[in-house]
């Protein structure tokens, strides 16, 4: 069974462990006839906001090892 929230992001290998998105919390069997929403709305687990502890935007590209708050998976 493939879960829709477990979709590999483009930079899965260096993504921050604190990065969160809605798809992570959907526990339903994947239906190939229903397209992914791809809304790309992210938040930081530390701040619970769309800004990280360093006051910069949170997303799958910017939350990487170049930021002080980065935590590897």
C-alpha atoms as a PDB file:
ATOM      1  CA  UNK A   1       0.000   0.000   0.000  1.00  0.00           C
ATOM      2  CA  UNK A   2       1.409   3.386  -0.983  1.00  0.00           C
ATOM      3  CA  UNK A   3       0.442   6.306   1.217  1.00  0.00           C
ATOM      4  CA  UNK A   4      -0.030   9.685  -0.481  1.00  0.00           C
ATOM      5  CA  UNK A   5       1.886  11.545   2.222  1.00  0.00           C
ATOM      6  CA  UNK A   6       4.985   9.450   1.694  1.00  0.00           C
ATOM      7  CA  UNK A   7       5.662  10.911  -1.725  1.00  0.00           C
ATOM      8  CA  UNK A   8       9.350  11.554  -2.309  1.00  0.00           C
ATOM      9  CA  UNK A   9      10.135  15.254  -2.460  1.00  0.00           C
ATOM     10  CA  UNK A  10      12.688  16.430  -5.012  1.00  0.00           C
ATOM     11  CA  UNK A  11      15.424  16.808  -2.395  1.00  0.00           C
ATOM     12  CA  UNK A  12      14.551  13.934  -0.076  1.00  0.00           C
ATOM     13  CA  UNK A  13      18.194  13.154   0.728  1.00  0.00           C
ATOM     14  CA  UNK A  14      18.944  16.504   2.397  1.00  0.00           C
ATOM     15  CA  UNK A  15      15.512  17.579   3.614  1.00  0.00           C
ATOM     16  CA  UNK A  16      15.245  18.993   7.129  1.00  0.00           C
ATOM     17  CA  UNK A  17      13.714  16.666   9.719  1.00  0.00           C
ATOM     18  CA  UNK A  18      11.562  19.554  10.972  1.00  0.00           C
ATOM     19  CA  UNK A  19       9.859  20.134   7.601  1.00  0.00           C
ATOM     20  CA  UNK A  20       6.137  19.292   7.642  1.00  0.00           C
ATOM     21  CA  UNK A  21       3.378  19.253   5.023  1.00  0.00           C
ATOM     22  CA  UNK A  22      -0.253  18.163   4.984  1.00  0.00           C
ATOM     23  CA  UNK A  23       0.377  14.963   3.044  1.00  0.00           C
ATOM     24  CA  UNK A  24       2.412  13.530   5.920  1.00  0.00           C
ATOM     25  CA  UNK A  25      -0.746  13.155   7.989  1.00  0.00           C
ATOM     26  CA  UNK A  26      -3.017  11.425   5.479  1.00  0.00           C
ATOM     27  CA  UNK A  27      -3.315   7.721   6.189  1.00  0.00           C
ATOM     28  CA  UNK A  28      -5.407   6.493   3.299  1.00  0.00           C
ATOM     29  CA  UNK A  29      -4.679   3.976   0.619  1.00  0.00           C
ATOM     30  CA  UNK A  30      -3.358   5.711  -2.484  1.00  0.00           C
ATOM     31  CA  UNK A  31      -5.838   5.908  -5.360  1.00  0.00           C
ATOM     32  CA  UNK A  32      -4.069   6.334  -8.727  1.00  0.00           C
ATOM     33  CA  UNK A  33      -7.205   7.920 -10.221  1.00  0.00           C
ATOM     34  CA  UNK A  34      -6.989  10.851  -7.789  1.00  0.00           C
ATOM     35  CA  UNK A  35      -4.137  13.280  -8.579  1.00  0.00           C
ATOM     36  CA  UNK A  36      -1.922  14.610  -5.795  1.00  0.00           C
ATOM     37  CA  UNK A  37      -2.882  18.082  -4.635  1.00  0.00           C
ATOM     38  CA  UNK A  38       0.710  19.385  -4.858  1.00  0.00           C
ATOM     39  CA  UNK A  39      -0.338  22.388  -2.796  1.00  0.00           C
ATOM     40  CA  UNK A  40       3.240  22.722  -1.511  1.00  0.00           C
ATOM     41  CA  UNK A  41       2.199  24.275   1.809  1.00  0.00           C
ATOM     42  CA  UNK A  42       4.973  23.657   4.329  1.00  0.00           C
ATOM     43  CA  UNK A  43       5.588  24.559   7.964  1.00  0.00           C
ATOM     44  CA  UNK A  44       8.360  24.085  10.492  1.00  0.00           C
ATOM     45  CA  UNK A  45       7.786  21.611  13.311  1.00  0.00           C
ATOM     46  CA  UNK A  46       9.805  23.842  15.668  1.00  0.00           C
ATOM     47  CA  UNK A  47       7.872  27.061  15.088  1.00  0.00           C
ATOM     48  CA  UNK A  48       4.558  25.607  13.815  1.00  0.00           C
ATOM     49  CA  UNK A  49       4.576  28.406  11.225  1.00  0.00           C
ATOM     50  CA  UNK A  50       5.604  28.933   7.618  1.00  0.00           C
ATOM     51  CA  UNK A  51       8.762  30.625   8.927  1.00  0.00           C
ATOM     52  CA  UNK A  52      11.594  28.718  10.538  1.00  0.00           C
ATOM     53  CA  UNK A  53      13.449  29.679  13.753  1.00  0.00           C
ATOM     54  CA  UNK A  54      15.723  31.855  11.606  1.00  0.00           C
ATOM     55  CA  UNK A  55      12.671  33.841  10.331  1.00  0.00           C
ATOM     56  CA  UNK A  56      13.145  32.558   6.768  1.00  0.00           C
ATOM     57  CA  UNK A  57      10.475  30.849   4.641  1.00  0.00           C
ATOM     58  CA  UNK A  58      10.003  27.099   4.991  1.00  0.00           C
ATOM     59  CA  UNK A  59       9.901  24.851   1.907  1.00  0.00           C
ATOM     60  CA  UNK A  60      11.495  21.713   0.486  1.00  0.00           C
ATOM     61  CA  UNK A  61      14.270  23.643  -1.268  1.00  0.00           C
ATOM     62  CA  UNK A  62      15.284  26.251   1.308  1.00  0.00           C
ATOM     63  CA  UNK A  63      15.226  23.974   4.373  1.00  0.00           C
ATOM     64  CA  UNK A  64      18.673  22.520   3.839  1.00  0.00           C
ATOM     65  CA  UNK A  65      22.116  22.312   5.435  1.00  0.00           C
ATOM     66  CA  UNK A  66      22.867  25.978   4.705  1.00  0.00           C
ATOM     67  CA  UNK A  67      20.533  27.093   7.523  1.00  0.00           C
ATOM     68  CA  UNK A  68      21.506  27.092  11.210  1.00  0.00           C
ATOM     69  CA  UNK A  69      18.209  25.470  12.238  1.00  0.00           C
ATOM     70  CA  UNK A  70      18.628  22.539   9.791  1.00  0.00           C
ATOM     71  CA  UNK A  71      18.355  19.039  11.286  1.00  0.00           C
ATOM     72  CA  UNK A  72      19.193  16.111   8.976  1.00  0.00           C
ATOM     73  CA  UNK A  73      16.777  13.208   8.625  1.00  0.00           C
END
